[in-house]
Amino acid sequence: MRGKYTLPFKFAFLMVAFYFVPRCIFATEEEAFTESVVIFNTICAKCHEAQCSGRLSFDDTLDASANHIVRYYNEASEKKWLQRELFVILNHMKEKCAYYPMAAPIPPQRVWSGEILEKMA
């Protein structure tokens, strides 16, 4: 009889513990992805903006596209996480024919100044 209630109790305990984990633990990942979106929109989208078609999506893996990413954005050469995120954003643009959505508010004049972009990086 004792083991009958163990699983629901453990599950409830984990759910409560997860609820009280500070949100700042997850902020780093979100901020890193925002940085990747800014990099993509300011560097990669210059060429890839008009290529919005599912048929143009990379059929290759991330490893095959990493050379392309590093060739045009060398700063990503040692950052596998950045290569992965740029790959995800590129596929989003090609499949959805849209920029990747960002949680950042749009500037009043719709102009992304260097100062605003620096805060995101």
PDB file of N, CA and C in Angstrom:
ATOM      1  N   MET A   1       0.814  -1.202   0.000  1.00  0.00           N
ATOM      2  CA  MET A   1       0.000   0.000   0.000  1.00  0.00           C
ATOM      3  C   MET A   1       0.853   1.259   0.000  1.00  0.00           C
ATOM      4  N   ARG A   2       2.000   1.157   0.631  1.00  0.00           N
ATOM      5  CA  ARG A   2       2.827   2.345   0.785  1.00  0.00           C
ATOM      6  C   ARG A   2       3.290   2.896  -0.571  1.00  0.00           C
ATOM      7  N   GLY A   3       3.663   2.050  -1.525  1.00  0.00           N
ATOM      8  CA  GLY A   3       4.167   2.481  -2.823  1.00  0.00           C
ATOM      9  C   GLY A   3       3.095   3.076  -3.719  1.00  0.00           C
ATOM     10  N   LYS A   4       1.846   2.858  -3.386  1.00  0.00           N
ATOM     11  CA  LYS A   4       0.733   3.323  -4.207  1.00  0.00           C
ATOM     12  C   LYS A   4       0.702   4.849  -4.308  1.00  0.00           C
ATOM     13  N   TYR A   5       1.084   5.550  -3.276  1.00  0.00           N
ATOM     14  CA  TYR A   5       1.011   7.014  -3.255  1.00  0.00           C
ATOM     15  C   TYR A   5       2.355   7.688  -3.545  1.00  0.00           C
ATOM     16  N   THR A   6       3.389   6.894  -3.726  1.00  0.00           N
ATOM     17  CA  THR A   6       4.723   7.459  -3.908  1.00  0.00           C
ATOM     18  C   THR A   6       4.833   8.257  -5.203  1.00  0.00           C
ATOM     19  N   LEU A   7       4.394   7.707  -6.320  1.00  0.00           N
ATOM     20  CA  LEU A   7       4.529   8.378  -7.610  1.00  0.00           C
ATOM     21  C   LEU A   7       3.765   9.697  -7.665  1.00  0.00           C
ATOM     22  N   PRO A   8       2.484   9.747  -7.285  1.00  0.00           N
ATOM     23  CA  PRO A   8       1.795  11.046  -7.306  1.00  0.00           C
ATOM     24  C   PRO A   8       2.450  12.075  -6.387  1.00  0.00           C
ATOM     25  N   PHE A   9       2.957  11.630  -5.234  1.00  0.00           N
ATOM     26  CA  PHE A   9       3.607  12.559  -4.313  1.00  0.00           C
ATOM     27  C   PHE A   9       4.883  13.121  -4.934  1.00  0.00           C
ATOM     28  N   LYS A  10       5.691  12.253  -5.548  1.00  0.00           N
ATOM     29  CA  LYS A  10       6.929  12.710  -6.185  1.00  0.00           C
ATOM     30  C   LYS A  10       6.620  13.690  -7.314  1.00  0.00           C
ATOM     31  N   PHE A  11       5.615  13.378  -8.104  1.00  0.00           N
ATOM     32  CA  PHE A  11       5.235  14.260  -9.208  1.00  0.00           C
ATOM     33  C   PHE A  11       4.788  15.621  -8.680  1.00  0.00           C
ATOM     34  N   ALA A  12       3.948  15.616  -7.662  1.00  0.00           N
ATOM     35  CA  ALA A  12       3.471  16.877  -7.072  1.00  0.00           C
ATOM     36  C   ALA A  12       4.630  17.667  -6.485  1.00  0.00           C
ATOM     37  N   PHE A  13       5.546  16.974  -5.821  1.00  0.00           N
ATOM     38  CA  PHE A  13       6.712  17.647  -5.244  1.00  0.00           C
ATOM     39  C   PHE A  13       7.555  18.305  -6.333  1.00  0.00           C
ATOM     40  N   LEU A  14       7.792  17.591  -7.430  1.00  0.00           N
ATOM     41  CA  LEU A  14       8.580  18.155  -8.533  1.00  0.00           C
ATOM     42  C   LEU A  14       7.884  19.356  -9.165  1.00  0.00           C
ATOM     43  N   MET A  15       6.586  19.288  -9.299  1.00  0.00           N
ATOM     44  CA  MET A  15       5.842  20.411  -9.884  1.00  0.00           C
ATOM     45  C   MET A  15       5.938  21.645  -8.992  1.00  0.00           C
ATOM     46  N   VAL A  16       5.796  21.471  -7.701  1.00  0.00           N
ATOM     47  CA  VAL A  16       5.903  22.593  -6.759  1.00  0.00           C
ATOM     48  C   VAL A  16       7.326  23.138  -6.760  1.00  0.00           C
ATOM     49  N   ALA A  17       8.312  22.261  -6.760  1.00  0.00           N
ATOM     50  CA  ALA A  17       9.715  22.701  -6.770  1.00  0.00           C
ATOM     51  C   ALA A  17      10.019  23.479  -8.043  1.00  0.00           C
ATOM     52  N   PHE A  18       9.535  23.003  -9.177  1.00  0.00           N
ATOM     53  CA  PHE A  18       9.764  23.690 -10.450  1.00  0.00           C
ATOM     54  C   PHE A  18       9.100  25.063 -10.453  1.00  0.00           C
ATOM     55  N   TYR A  19       7.948  25.161  -9.839  1.00  0.00           N
ATOM     56  CA  TYR A  19       7.225  26.433  -9.780  1.00  0.00           C
ATOM     57  C   TYR A  19       8.030  27.501  -9.043  1.00  0.00           C
ATOM     58  N   PHE A  20       8.768  27.097  -8.026  1.00  0.00           N
ATOM     59  CA  PHE A  20       9.507  28.056  -7.217  1.00  0.00           C
ATOM     60  C   PHE A  20      10.935  28.310  -7.705  1.00  0.00           C
ATOM     61  N   VAL A  21      11.331  27.694  -8.807  1.00  0.00           N
ATOM     62  CA  VAL A  21      12.658  27.970  -9.370  1.00  0.00           C
ATOM     63  C   VAL A  21      12.648  29.399  -9.896  1.00  0.00           C
ATOM     64  N   PRO A  22      13.638  30.188  -9.551  1.00  0.00           N
ATOM     65  CA  PRO A  22      13.662  31.582 -10.017  1.00  0.00           C
ATOM     66  C   PRO A  22      13.687  31.667 -11.539  1.00  0.00           C
ATOM     67  N   ARG A  23      12.912  32.581 -12.071  1.00  0.00           N
ATOM     68  CA  ARG A  23      12.838  32.749 -13.519  1.00  0.00           C
ATOM     69  C   ARG A  23      14.164  33.211 -14.112  1.00  0.00           C
ATOM     70  N   CYS A  24      15.016  33.829 -13.318  1.00  0.00           N
ATOM     71  CA  CYS A  24      16.295  34.322 -13.833  1.00  0.00           C
ATOM     72  C   CYS A  24      17.174  33.186 -14.355  1.00  0.00           C
ATOM     73  N   ILE A  25      16.922  31.961 -13.904  1.00  0.00           N
ATOM     74  CA  ILE A  25      17.696  30.826 -14.402  1.00  0.00           C
ATOM     75  C   ILE A  25      17.436  30.632 -15.887  1.00  0.00           C
ATOM     76  N   PHE A  26      16.218  30.892 -16.327  1.00  0.00           N
ATOM     77  CA  PHE A  26      15.858  30.704 -17.725  1.00  0.00           C
ATOM     78  C   PHE A  26      16.134  31.936 -18.574  1.00  0.00           C
ATOM     79  N   ALA A  27      16.371  33.076 -17.971  1.00  0.00           N
ATOM     80  CA  ALA A  27      16.560  34.317 -18.717  1.00  0.00           C
ATOM     81  C   ALA A  27      17.791  34.262 -19.602  1.00  0.00           C
ATOM     82  N   THR A  28      18.840  33.610 -19.184  1.00  0.00           N
ATOM     83  CA  THR A  28      20.071  33.564 -19.962  1.00  0.00           C
ATOM     84  C   THR A  28      19.837  32.930 -21.320  1.00  0.00           C
ATOM     85  N   GLU A  29      19.102  31.824 -21.347  1.00  0.00           N
ATOM     86  CA  GLU A  29      18.827  31.158 -22.612  1.00  0.00           C
ATOM     87  C   GLU A  29      18.014  32.060 -23.526  1.00  0.00           C
ATOM     88  N   GLU A  30      17.006  32.731 -22.988  1.00  0.00           N
ATOM     89  CA  GLU A  30      16.172  33.622 -23.785  1.00  0.00           C
ATOM     90  C   GLU A  30      16.989  34.791 -24.324  1.00  0.00           C
ATOM     91  N   GLU A  31      17.857  35.353 -23.494  1.00  0.00           N
ATOM     92  CA  GLU A  31      18.692  36.462 -23.933  1.00  0.00           C
ATOM     93  C   GLU A  31      19.648  36.013 -25.027  1.00  0.00           C
ATOM     94  N   ALA A  32      20.194  34.824 -24.911  1.00  0.00           N
ATOM     95  CA  ALA A  32      21.091  34.315 -25.947  1.00  0.00           C
ATOM     96  C   ALA A  32      20.339  34.166 -27.254  1.00  0.00           C
ATOM     97  N   PHE A  33      19.114  33.678 -27.208  1.00  0.00           N
ATOM     98  CA  PHE A  33      18.352  33.519 -28.441  1.00  0.00           C
ATOM     99  C   PHE A  33      17.998  34.874 -29.031  1.00  0.00           C
ATOM    100  N   THR A  34      17.704  35.861 -28.201  1.00  0.00           N
ATOM    101  CA  THR A  34      17.444  37.215 -28.699  1.00  0.00           C
ATOM    102  C   THR A  34      18.672  37.734 -29.426  1.00  0.00           C
ATOM    103  N   GLU A  35      19.845  37.485 -28.876  1.00  0.00           N
ATOM    104  CA  GLU A  35      21.089  37.897 -29.541  1.00  0.00           C
ATOM    105  C   GLU A  35      21.199  37.238 -30.913  1.00  0.00           C
ATOM    106  N   SER A  36      20.859  35.971 -31.012  1.00  0.00           N
ATOM    107  CA  SER A  36      20.923  35.260 -32.289  1.00  0.00           C
ATOM    108  C   SER A  36      19.945  35.842 -33.297  1.00  0.00           C
ATOM    109  N   VAL A  37      18.755  36.198 -32.848  1.00  0.00           N
ATOM    110  CA  VAL A  37      17.762  36.794 -33.742  1.00  0.00           C
ATOM    111  C   VAL A  37      18.266  38.133 -34.263  1.00  0.00           C
ATOM    112  N   VAL A  38      18.864  38.937 -33.400  1.00  0.00           N
ATOM    113  CA  VAL A  38      19.407  40.234 -33.824  1.00  0.00           C
ATOM    114  C   VAL A  38      20.524  40.022 -34.841  1.00  0.00           C
ATOM    115  N   ILE A  39      21.408  39.076 -34.591  1.00  0.00           N
ATOM    116  CA  ILE A  39      22.494  38.778 -35.534  1.00  0.00           C
ATOM    117  C   ILE A  39      21.911  38.345 -36.868  1.00  0.00           C
ATOM    118  N   PHE A  40      20.943  37.447 -36.836  1.00  0.00           N
ATOM    119  CA  PHE A  40      20.342  36.974 -38.085  1.00  0.00           C
ATOM    120  C   PHE A  40      19.682  38.120 -38.847  1.00  0.00           C
ATOM    121  N   ASN A  41      18.891  38.926 -38.144  1.00  0.00           N
ATOM    122  CA  ASN A  41      18.157  40.001 -38.811  1.00  0.00           C
ATOM    123  C   ASN A  41      19.067  41.087 -39.368  1.00  0.00           C
ATOM    124  N   THR A  42      20.229  41.293 -38.774  1.00  0.00           N
ATOM    125  CA  THR A  42      21.119  42.353 -39.249  1.00  0.00           C
ATOM    126  C   THR A  42      22.185  41.850 -40.217  1.00  0.00           C
ATOM    127  N   ILE A  43      22.490  40.565 -40.209  1.00  0.00           N
ATOM    128  CA  ILE A  43      23.548  40.050 -41.085  1.00  0.00           C
ATOM    129  C   ILE A  43      23.000  39.053 -42.105  1.00  0.00           C
ATOM    130  N   CYS A  44      22.349  38.025 -41.638  1.00  0.00           N
ATOM    131  CA  CYS A  44      21.919  36.932 -42.512  1.00  0.00           C
ATOM    132  C   CYS A  44      20.729  37.305 -43.393  1.00  0.00           C
ATOM    133  N   ALA A  45      19.811  38.095 -42.854  1.00  0.00           N
ATOM    134  CA  ALA A  45      18.586  38.412 -43.590  1.00  0.00           C
ATOM    135  C   ALA A  45      18.849  39.249 -44.835  1.00  0.00           C
ATOM    136  N   LYS A  46      20.003  39.878 -44.915  1.00  0.00           N
ATOM    137  CA  LYS A  46      20.321  40.660 -46.115  1.00  0.00           C
ATOM    138  C   LYS A  46      20.215  39.794 -47.363  1.00  0.00           C
ATOM    139  N   CYS A  47      20.632  38.551 -47.272  1.00  0.00           N
ATOM    140  CA  CYS A  47      20.569  37.636 -48.415  1.00  0.00           C
ATOM    141  C   CYS A  47      19.393  36.669 -48.333  1.00  0.00           C
ATOM    142  N   HIS A  48      19.048  36.251 -47.146  1.00  0.00           N
ATOM    143  CA  HIS A  48      18.047  35.193 -46.995  1.00  0.00           C
ATOM    144  C   HIS A  48      16.617  35.708 -46.904  1.00  0.00           C
ATOM    145  N   GLU A  49      16.433  37.004 -46.836  1.00  0.00           N
ATOM    146  CA  GLU A  49      15.094  37.568 -46.666  1.00  0.00           C
ATOM    147  C   GLU A  49      14.146  37.162 -47.791  1.00  0.00           C
ATOM    148  N   ALA A  50      14.622  37.140 -49.012  1.00  0.00           N
ATOM    149  CA  ALA A  50      13.756  36.843 -50.153  1.00  0.00           C
ATOM    150  C   ALA A  50      13.620  35.348 -50.425  1.00  0.00           C
ATOM    151  N   GLN A  51      14.273  34.525 -49.662  1.00  0.00           N
ATOM    152  CA  GLN A  51      14.256  33.089 -49.905  1.00  0.00           C
ATOM    153  C   GLN A  51      13.231  32.388 -49.030  1.00  0.00           C
ATOM    154  N   CYS A  52      12.026  32.852 -49.059  1.00  0.00           N
ATOM    155  CA  CYS A  52      11.024  32.250 -48.180  1.00  0.00           C
ATOM    156  C   CYS A  52      10.209  31.219 -48.944  1.00  0.00           C
ATOM    157  N   SER A  53      10.656  30.000 -48.861  1.00  0.00           N
ATOM    158  CA  SER A  53       9.963  28.890 -49.483  1.00  0.00           C
ATOM    159  C   SER A  53      10.392  27.620 -48.771  1.00  0.00           C
ATOM    160  N   GLY A  54       9.442  26.787 -48.468  1.00  0.00           N
ATOM    161  CA  GLY A  54       9.763  25.528 -47.809  1.00  0.00           C
ATOM    162  C   GLY A  54      10.727  24.682 -48.618  1.00  0.00           C
ATOM    163  N   ARG A  55      10.648  24.783 -49.944  1.00  0.00           N
ATOM    164  CA  ARG A  55      11.533  23.974 -50.785  1.00  0.00           C
ATOM    165  C   ARG A  55      12.982  24.421 -50.683  1.00  0.00           C
ATOM    166  N   LEU A  56      13.204  25.645 -50.207  1.00  0.00           N
ATOM    167  CA  LEU A  56      14.563  26.152 -50.064  1.00  0.00           C
ATOM    168  C   LEU A  56      15.142  25.877 -48.683  1.00  0.00           C
ATOM    169  N   SER A  57      14.378  25.258 -47.832  1.00  0.00           N
ATOM    170  CA  SER A  57      14.882  24.954 -46.491  1.00  0.00           C
ATOM    171  C   SER A  57      16.039  23.979 -46.592  1.00  0.00           C
ATOM    172  N   PHE A  58      16.935  24.074 -45.633  1.00  0.00           N
ATOM    173  CA  PHE A  58      18.070  23.162 -45.623  1.00  0.00           C
ATOM    174  C   PHE A  58      17.573  21.745 -45.406  1.00  0.00           C
ATOM    175  N   ASP A  59      17.868  20.882 -46.356  1.00  0.00           N
ATOM    176  CA  ASP A  59      17.591  19.461 -46.165  1.00  0.00           C
ATOM    177  C   ASP A  59      18.723  18.829 -45.374  1.00  0.00           C
ATOM    178  N   ASP A  60      19.865  19.509 -45.379  1.00  0.00           N
ATOM    179  CA  ASP A  60      21.029  19.003 -44.674  1.00  0.00           C
ATOM    180  C   ASP A  60      20.872  19.229 -43.178  1.00  0.00           C
ATOM    181  N   THR A  61      21.777  18.646 -42.474  1.00  0.00           N
ATOM    182  CA  THR A  61      21.781  18.805 -41.025  1.00  0.00           C
ATOM    183  C   THR A  61      22.457  20.104 -40.638  1.00  0.00           C
ATOM    184  N   LEU A  62      22.434  20.380 -39.371  1.00  0.00           N
ATOM    185  CA  LEU A  62      23.116  21.552 -38.835  1.00  0.00           C
ATOM    186  C   LEU A  62      24.598  21.516 -39.178  1.00  0.00           C
ATOM    187  N   ASP A  63      25.204  20.345 -39.095  1.00  0.00           N
ATOM    188  CA  ASP A  63      26.639  20.228 -39.389  1.00  0.00           C
ATOM    189  C   ASP A  63      26.960  20.673 -40.809  1.00  0.00           C
ATOM    190  N   ALA A  64      26.103  20.331 -41.749  1.00  0.00           N
ATOM    191  CA  ALA A  64      26.343  20.713 -43.136  1.00  0.00           C
ATOM    192  C   ALA A  64      26.177  22.213 -43.345  1.00  0.00           C
ATOM    193  N   SER A  65      25.282  22.839 -42.606  1.00  0.00           N
ATOM    194  CA  SER A  65      25.058  24.279 -42.773  1.00  0.00           C
ATOM    195  C   SER A  65      26.023  25.126 -41.950  1.00  0.00           C
ATOM    196  N   ALA A  66      26.713  24.521 -40.992  1.00  0.00           N
ATOM    197  CA  ALA A  66      27.626  25.278 -40.127  1.00  0.00           C
ATOM    198  C   ALA A  66      28.728  25.956 -40.930  1.00  0.00           C
ATOM    199  N   ASN A  67      29.230  25.300 -41.973  1.00  0.00           N
ATOM    200  CA  ASN A  67      30.265  25.919 -42.808  1.00  0.00           C
ATOM    201  C   ASN A  67      29.759  27.200 -43.450  1.00  0.00           C
ATOM    202  N   HIS A  68      28.531  27.171 -43.925  1.00  0.00           N
ATOM    203  CA  HIS A  68      27.935  28.361 -44.530  1.00  0.00           C
ATOM    204  C   HIS A  68      27.809  29.482 -43.497  1.00  0.00           C
ATOM    205  N   ILE A  69      27.344  29.144 -42.329  1.00  0.00           N
ATOM    206  CA  ILE A  69      27.169  30.138 -41.261  1.00  0.00           C
ATOM    207  C   ILE A  69      28.507  30.760 -40.889  1.00  0.00           C
ATOM    208  N   VAL A  70      29.525  29.947 -40.712  1.00  0.00           N
ATOM    209  CA  VAL A  70      30.843  30.452 -40.314  1.00  0.00           C
ATOM    210  C   VAL A  70      31.486  31.254 -41.449  1.00  0.00           C
ATOM    211  N   ARG A  71      31.252  30.855 -42.694  1.00  0.00           N
ATOM    212  CA  ARG A  71      31.823  31.582 -43.830  1.00  0.00           C
ATOM    213  C   ARG A  71      31.340  33.029 -43.860  1.00  0.00           C
ATOM    214  N   TYR A  72      30.069  33.238 -43.549  1.00  0.00           N
ATOM    215  CA  TYR A  72      29.513  34.588 -43.623  1.00  0.00           C
ATOM    216  C   TYR A  72      29.477  35.311 -42.282  1.00  0.00           C
ATOM    217  N   TYR A  73      29.630  34.581 -41.196  1.00  0.00           N
ATOM    218  CA  TYR A  73      29.671  35.195 -39.865  1.00  0.00           C
ATOM    219  C   TYR A  73      30.702  34.448 -39.035  1.00  0.00           C
ATOM    220  N   ASN A  74      31.955  34.801 -39.227  1.00  0.00           N
ATOM    221  CA  ASN A  74      33.076  34.088 -38.611  1.00  0.00           C
ATOM    222  C   ASN A  74      33.019  34.087 -37.086  1.00  0.00           C
ATOM    223  N   GLU A  75      32.363  35.080 -36.494  1.00  0.00           N
ATOM    224  CA  GLU A  75      32.270  35.135 -35.032  1.00  0.00           C
ATOM    225  C   GLU A  75      31.563  33.908 -34.454  1.00  0.00           C
ATOM    226  N   ALA A  76      30.848  33.177 -35.300  1.00  0.00           N
ATOM    227  CA  ALA A  76      30.126  31.982 -34.844  1.00  0.00           C
ATOM    228  C   ALA A  76      30.985  30.722 -34.904  1.00  0.00           C
ATOM    229  N   SER A  77      32.234  30.852 -35.339  1.00  0.00           N
ATOM    230  CA  SER A  77      33.062  29.660 -35.565  1.00  0.00           C
ATOM    231  C   SER A  77      33.280  28.821 -34.308  1.00  0.00           C
ATOM    232  N   GLU A  78      33.409  29.435 -33.168  1.00  0.00           N
ATOM    233  CA  GLU A  78      33.646  28.698 -31.921  1.00  0.00           C
ATOM    234  C   GLU A  78      32.387  28.587 -31.054  1.00  0.00           C
ATOM    235  N   LYS A  79      31.272  29.040 -31.564  1.00  0.00           N
ATOM    236  CA  LYS A  79      30.034  29.065 -30.774  1.00  0.00           C
ATOM    237  C   LYS A  79      29.005  28.131 -31.406  1.00  0.00           C
ATOM    238  N   LYS A  80      29.035  26.877 -31.003  1.00  0.00           N
ATOM    239  CA  LYS A  80      28.094  25.888 -31.553  1.00  0.00           C
ATOM    240  C   LYS A  80      26.648  26.268 -31.243  1.00  0.00           C
ATOM    241  N   TRP A  81      26.405  26.840 -30.064  1.00  0.00           N
ATOM    242  CA  TRP A  81      25.044  27.243 -29.698  1.00  0.00           C
ATOM    243  C   TRP A  81      24.536  28.305 -30.668  1.00  0.00           C
ATOM    244  N   LEU A  82      25.402  29.225 -31.087  1.00  0.00           N
ATOM    245  CA  LEU A  82      24.999  30.281 -32.014  1.00  0.00           C
ATOM    246  C   LEU A  82      24.731  29.704 -33.398  1.00  0.00           C
ATOM    247  N   GLN A  83      25.565  28.785 -33.849  1.00  0.00           N
ATOM    248  CA  GLN A  83      25.332  28.127 -35.137  1.00  0.00           C
ATOM    249  C   GLN A  83      23.982  27.421 -35.138  1.00  0.00           C
ATOM    250  N   ARG A  84      23.677  26.734 -34.036  1.00  0.00           N
ATOM    251  CA  ARG A  84      22.407  26.007 -33.925  1.00  0.00           C
ATOM    252  C   ARG A  84      21.222  26.969 -33.975  1.00  0.00           C
ATOM    253  N   GLU A  85      21.331  28.075 -33.237  1.00  0.00           N
ATOM    254  CA  GLU A  85      20.224  29.028 -33.195  1.00  0.00           C
ATOM    255  C   GLU A  85      20.046  29.740 -34.533  1.00  0.00           C
ATOM    256  N   LEU A  86      21.135  30.095 -35.205  1.00  0.00           N
ATOM    257  CA  LEU A  86      21.023  30.722 -36.526  1.00  0.00           C
ATOM    258  C   LEU A  86      20.395  29.759 -37.525  1.00  0.00           C
ATOM    259  N   PHE A  87      20.719  28.486 -37.423  1.00  0.00           N
ATOM    260  CA  PHE A  87      20.128  27.460 -38.278  1.00  0.00           C
ATOM    261  C   PHE A  87      18.616  27.372 -38.058  1.00  0.00           C
ATOM    262  N   VAL A  88      18.193  27.396 -36.802  1.00  0.00           N
ATOM    263  CA  VAL A  88      16.763  27.348 -36.466  1.00  0.00           C
ATOM    264  C   VAL A  88      16.041  28.581 -37.015  1.00  0.00           C
ATOM    265  N   ILE A  89      16.653  29.748 -36.857  1.00  0.00           N
ATOM    266  CA  ILE A  89      16.039  30.995 -37.316  1.00  0.00           C
ATOM    267  C   ILE A  89      15.951  31.013 -38.838  1.00  0.00           C
ATOM    268  N   LEU A  90      16.991  30.541 -39.517  1.00  0.00           N
ATOM    269  CA  LEU A  90      16.981  30.485 -40.980  1.00  0.00           C
ATOM    270  C   LEU A  90      15.858  29.586 -41.476  1.00  0.00           C
ATOM    271  N   ASN A  91      15.725  28.414 -40.886  1.00  0.00           N
ATOM    272  CA  ASN A  91      14.648  27.513 -41.299  1.00  0.00           C
ATOM    273  C   ASN A  91      13.280  28.116 -41.023  1.00  0.00           C
ATOM    274  N   HIS A  92      13.150  28.859 -39.926  1.00  0.00           N
ATOM    275  CA  HIS A  92      11.882  29.531 -39.639  1.00  0.00           C
ATOM    276  C   HIS A  92      11.556  30.519 -40.756  1.00  0.00           C
ATOM    277  N   MET A  93      12.535  31.326 -41.158  1.00  0.00           N
ATOM    278  CA  MET A  93      12.292  32.323 -42.202  1.00  0.00           C
ATOM    279  C   MET A  93      11.906  31.660 -43.519  1.00  0.00           C
ATOM    280  N   LYS A  94      12.585  30.590 -43.857  1.00  0.00           N
ATOM    281  CA  LYS A  94      12.318  29.935 -45.134  1.00  0.00           C
ATOM    282  C   LYS A  94      10.980  29.201 -45.142  1.00  0.00           C
ATOM    283  N   GLU A  95      10.588  28.641 -44.020  1.00  0.00           N
ATOM    284  CA  GLU A  95       9.336  27.896 -43.972  1.00  0.00           C
ATOM    285  C   GLU A  95       8.127  28.783 -43.725  1.00  0.00           C
ATOM    286  N   LYS A  96       8.278  29.802 -42.885  1.00  0.00           N
ATOM    287  CA  LYS A  96       7.148  30.665 -42.523  1.00  0.00           C
ATOM    288  C   LYS A  96       7.111  31.948 -43.342  1.00  0.00           C
ATOM    289  N   CYS A  97       8.176  32.217 -44.084  1.00  0.00           N
ATOM    290  CA  CYS A  97       8.279  33.438 -44.888  1.00  0.00           C
ATOM    291  C   CYS A  97       8.101  34.672 -43.998  1.00  0.00           C
ATOM    292  N   ALA A  98       8.743  34.641 -42.851  1.00  0.00           N
ATOM    293  CA  ALA A  98       8.618  35.734 -41.884  1.00  0.00           C
ATOM    294  C   ALA A  98       9.854  35.768 -41.002  1.00  0.00           C
ATOM    295  N   TYR A  99      10.104  36.939 -40.458  1.00  0.00           N
ATOM    296  CA  TYR A  99      11.180  37.057 -39.479  1.00  0.00           C
ATOM    297  C   TYR A  99      10.799  36.283 -38.221  1.00  0.00           C
ATOM    298  N   TYR A 100      11.802  35.826 -37.497  1.00  0.00           N
ATOM    299  CA  TYR A 100      11.560  35.111 -36.250  1.00  0.00           C
ATOM    300  C   TYR A 100      11.012  36.108 -35.227  1.00  0.00           C
ATOM    301  N   PRO A 101       9.932  35.790 -34.537  1.00  0.00           N
ATOM    302  CA  PRO A 101       9.357  36.738 -33.570  1.00  0.00           C
ATOM    303  C   PRO A 101      10.287  36.975 -32.385  1.00  0.00           C
ATOM    304  N   MET A 102      10.307  38.217 -31.934  1.00  0.00           N
ATOM    305  CA  MET A 102      11.131  38.594 -30.783  1.00  0.00           C
ATOM    306  C   MET A 102      10.248  39.156 -29.690  1.00  0.00           C
ATOM    307  N   ALA A 103      10.678  38.964 -28.463  1.00  0.00           N
ATOM    308  CA  ALA A 103       9.935  39.496 -27.321  1.00  0.00           C
ATOM    309  C   ALA A 103      10.250  40.964 -27.075  1.00  0.00           C
ATOM    310  N   ALA A 104      11.251  41.498 -27.768  1.00  0.00           N
ATOM    311  CA  ALA A 104      11.660  42.895 -27.564  1.00  0.00           C
ATOM    312  C   ALA A 104      10.637  43.848 -28.182  1.00  0.00           C
ATOM    313  N   PRO A 105      10.349  44.950 -27.508  1.00  0.00           N
ATOM    314  CA  PRO A 105       9.413  45.926 -28.069  1.00  0.00           C
ATOM    315  C   PRO A 105      10.024  46.638 -29.278  1.00  0.00           C
ATOM    316  N   ILE A 106       9.183  46.988 -30.225  1.00  0.00           N
ATOM    317  CA  ILE A 106       9.636  47.709 -31.418  1.00  0.00           C
ATOM    318  C   ILE A 106       9.885  49.164 -31.036  1.00  0.00           C
ATOM    319  N   PRO A 107      11.032  49.728 -31.470  1.00  0.00           N
ATOM    320  CA  PRO A 107      11.330  51.126 -31.136  1.00  0.00           C
ATOM    321  C   PRO A 107      10.263  52.071 -31.695  1.00  0.00           C
ATOM    322  N   PRO A 108      10.081  53.227 -31.057  1.00  0.00           N
ATOM    323  CA  PRO A 108       9.024  54.165 -31.456  1.00  0.00           C
ATOM    324  C   PRO A 108       9.049  54.546 -32.937  1.00  0.00           C
ATOM    325  N   GLN A 109      10.206  54.823 -33.484  1.00  0.00           N
ATOM    326  CA  GLN A 109      10.297  55.231 -34.891  1.00  0.00           C
ATOM    327  C   GLN A 109      10.575  54.045 -35.819  1.00  0.00           C
ATOM    328  N   ARG A 110      10.497  52.832 -35.260  1.00  0.00           N
ATOM    329  CA  ARG A 110      10.796  51.604 -35.996  1.00  0.00           C
ATOM    330  C   ARG A 110      12.232  51.583 -36.523  1.00  0.00           C
ATOM    331  N   VAL A 111      13.122  52.254 -35.801  1.00  0.00           N
ATOM    332  CA  VAL A 111      14.538  52.292 -36.151  1.00  0.00           C
ATOM    333  C   VAL A 111      15.321  51.632 -35.021  1.00  0.00           C
ATOM    334  N   TRP A 112      16.059  50.605 -35.364  1.00  0.00           N
ATOM    335  CA  TRP A 112      16.860  49.880 -34.385  1.00  0.00           C
ATOM    336  C   TRP A 112      18.256  50.496 -34.374  1.00  0.00           C
ATOM    337  N   SER A 113      18.481  51.420 -33.498  1.00  0.00           N
ATOM    338  CA  SER A 113      19.783  52.085 -33.411  1.00  0.00           C
ATOM    339  C   SER A 113      20.832  51.117 -32.866  1.00  0.00           C
ATOM    340  N   GLY A 114      22.089  51.478 -33.073  1.00  0.00           N
ATOM    341  CA  GLY A 114      23.178  50.660 -32.548  1.00  0.00           C
ATOM    342  C   GLY A 114      23.109  50.513 -31.044  1.00  0.00           C
ATOM    343  N   GLU A 115      22.665  51.560 -30.378  1.00  0.00           N
ATOM    344  CA  GLU A 115      22.546  51.525 -28.913  1.00  0.00           C
ATOM    345  C   GLU A 115      21.525  50.478 -28.468  1.00  0.00           C
ATOM    346  N   ILE A 116      20.402  50.421 -29.146  1.00  0.00           N
ATOM    347  CA  ILE A 116      19.365  49.432 -28.809  1.00  0.00           C
ATOM    348  C   ILE A 116      19.887  48.021 -29.076  1.00  0.00           C
ATOM    349  N   LEU A 117      20.540  47.836 -30.219  1.00  0.00           N
ATOM    350  CA  LEU A 117      21.048  46.514 -30.574  1.00  0.00           C
ATOM    351  C   LEU A 117      22.150  46.057 -29.625  1.00  0.00           C
ATOM    352  N   GLU A 118      22.979  46.982 -29.164  1.00  0.00           N
ATOM    353  CA  GLU A 118      24.037  46.633 -28.209  1.00  0.00           C
ATOM    354  C   GLU A 118      23.455  46.094 -26.905  1.00  0.00           C
ATOM    355  N   LYS A 119      22.324  46.642 -26.489  1.00  0.00           N
ATOM    356  CA  LYS A 119      21.692  46.176 -25.252  1.00  0.00           C
ATOM    357  C   LYS A 119      21.213  44.736 -25.383  1.00  0.00           C
ATOM    358  N   MET A 120      20.903  44.316 -26.598  1.00  0.00           N
ATOM    359  CA  MET A 120      20.405  42.960 -26.827  1.00  0.00           C
ATOM    360  C   MET A 120      21.529  41.948 -26.968  1.00  0.00           C
ATOM    361  N   ALA A 121      22.708  42.404 -27.277  1.00  0.00           N
ATOM    362  CA  ALA A 121      23.826  41.480 -27.529  1.00  0.00           C
ATOM    363  C   ALA A 121      24.561  41.154 -26.248  1.00  0.00           C
TER     364      ALA A 121
END
